[in-house]
Amino acid sequence: MDVEAKRTRERAEYRRLVEKEAREKTEKGFKNGLEALKAFADLFESEEEMDEFVAACIESGLPLVTLNRRDFADFAEHEGLVLL
């Protein structure tokens, strides 16, 4: 299995998990922004996986919604990450 195929499958799985979490929370709703961010972080087993998701956002042009813009400012400025 080549590395690119593995990365593609991992990205698809991350997207599936994010969409599932969003559907569930749309029905129930988050109490606040902190709860939403925690739910996002809980999707990943490590910081490396979260970094991979951010890289996928950059590569695909998807915006990243965050209340912590400071941590992603360099990515936005130098790599083209769109922050909402």
Protein backbone atom coordinates (compact mmCIF):
# COMPACT_ATOMS: atom_id res chain seq x y z
CA MET A 1 0.00 0.00 0.00
CA ASP A 2 1.49 3.33 -0.93
CA VAL A 3 1.62 6.27 1.43
CA GLU A 4 -0.67 8.48 -0.66
CA ALA A 5 -3.44 5.88 -0.72
CA LYS A 6 -3.16 5.50 3.06
CA ARG A 7 -3.34 9.28 3.57
CA THR A 8 -6.36 9.49 1.27
CA ARG A 9 -8.19 6.79 3.23
CA GLU A 10 -7.31 8.44 6.55
CA ARG A 11 -8.61 11.80 5.33
CA ALA A 12 -11.84 10.21 4.17
CA GLU A 13 -12.26 8.57 7.58
CA TYR A 14 -11.61 11.89 9.37
CA ARG A 15 -14.20 13.60 7.20
CA ARG A 16 -16.71 10.82 7.86
CA LEU A 17 -16.18 11.17 11.62
CA VAL A 18 -16.47 14.96 11.50
CA GLU A 19 -19.67 14.76 9.46
CA LYS A 20 -21.12 12.16 11.84
CA GLU A 21 -20.29 14.31 14.89
CA ALA A 22 -21.76 17.38 13.18
CA ARG A 23 -25.01 15.55 12.38
CA GLU A 24 -25.32 14.31 15.96
CA LYS A 25 -24.59 17.72 17.45
CA THR A 26 -26.89 19.48 15.00
CA GLU A 27 -29.70 17.43 16.42
CA LYS A 28 -28.67 17.96 20.07
CA GLY A 29 -26.56 21.11 19.84
CA PHE A 30 -23.36 22.09 21.64
CA LYS A 31 -23.64 23.96 24.93
CA ASN A 32 -20.84 26.35 23.93
CA GLY A 33 -17.77 26.77 21.74
CA LEU A 34 -15.52 24.93 24.18
CA GLU A 35 -17.70 21.83 23.97
CA ALA A 36 -17.56 22.00 20.16
CA LEU A 37 -13.75 22.27 20.17
CA LYS A 38 -13.43 19.39 22.62
CA ALA A 39 -15.64 17.23 20.41
CA PHE A 40 -13.38 18.08 17.46
CA ALA A 41 -10.22 17.19 19.42
CA ASP A 42 -11.81 13.93 20.62
CA LEU A 43 -11.98 12.72 17.01
CA PHE A 44 -8.21 12.32 16.97
CA GLU A 45 -5.99 9.91 18.86
CA SER A 46 -2.94 12.18 18.74
CA GLU A 47 -1.69 15.64 17.89
CA GLU A 48 -0.20 14.15 14.71
CA GLU A 49 -3.64 13.07 13.51
CA MET A 50 -5.02 16.53 14.20
CA ASP A 51 -2.09 18.05 12.28
CA GLU A 52 -2.87 15.71 9.39
CA PHE A 53 -6.46 16.95 9.38
CA VAL A 54 -5.25 20.56 9.26
CA ALA A 55 -2.95 19.61 6.37
CA ALA A 56 -5.93 18.07 4.58
CA CYS A 57 -7.88 21.32 5.06
CA ILE A 58 -4.99 23.27 3.54
CA GLU A 59 -4.62 20.87 0.62
CA SER A 60 -8.32 20.73 -0.21
CA GLY A 61 -9.10 24.38 0.50
CA LEU A 62 -11.60 23.54 3.24
CA PRO A 63 -11.89 26.18 5.97
CA LEU A 64 -11.03 25.33 9.55
CA VAL A 65 -13.43 26.64 12.17
CA THR A 66 -11.62 27.51 15.39
CA LEU A 67 -11.87 29.77 18.40
CA ASN A 68 -8.11 29.46 18.80
CA ARG A 69 -6.91 31.43 15.77
CA ARG A 70 -3.53 32.12 17.35
CA ASP A 71 -2.39 28.49 17.01
CA PHE A 72 -3.31 28.39 13.33
CA ALA A 73 -2.25 31.91 12.30
CA ASP A 74 1.06 30.77 10.78
CA PHE A 75 -0.73 28.16 8.69
CA ALA A 76 -3.17 30.79 7.50
CA GLU A 77 -0.45 33.29 6.66
CA HIS A 78 2.10 30.99 5.04
CA GLU A 79 0.20 27.91 3.85
CA GLY A 80 -3.16 29.35 2.82
CA LEU A 81 -5.30 27.76 5.53
CA VAL A 82 -8.70 29.45 5.62
CA LEU A 83 -9.86 30.13 9.17
CA LEU A 84 -13.44 30.84 10.14
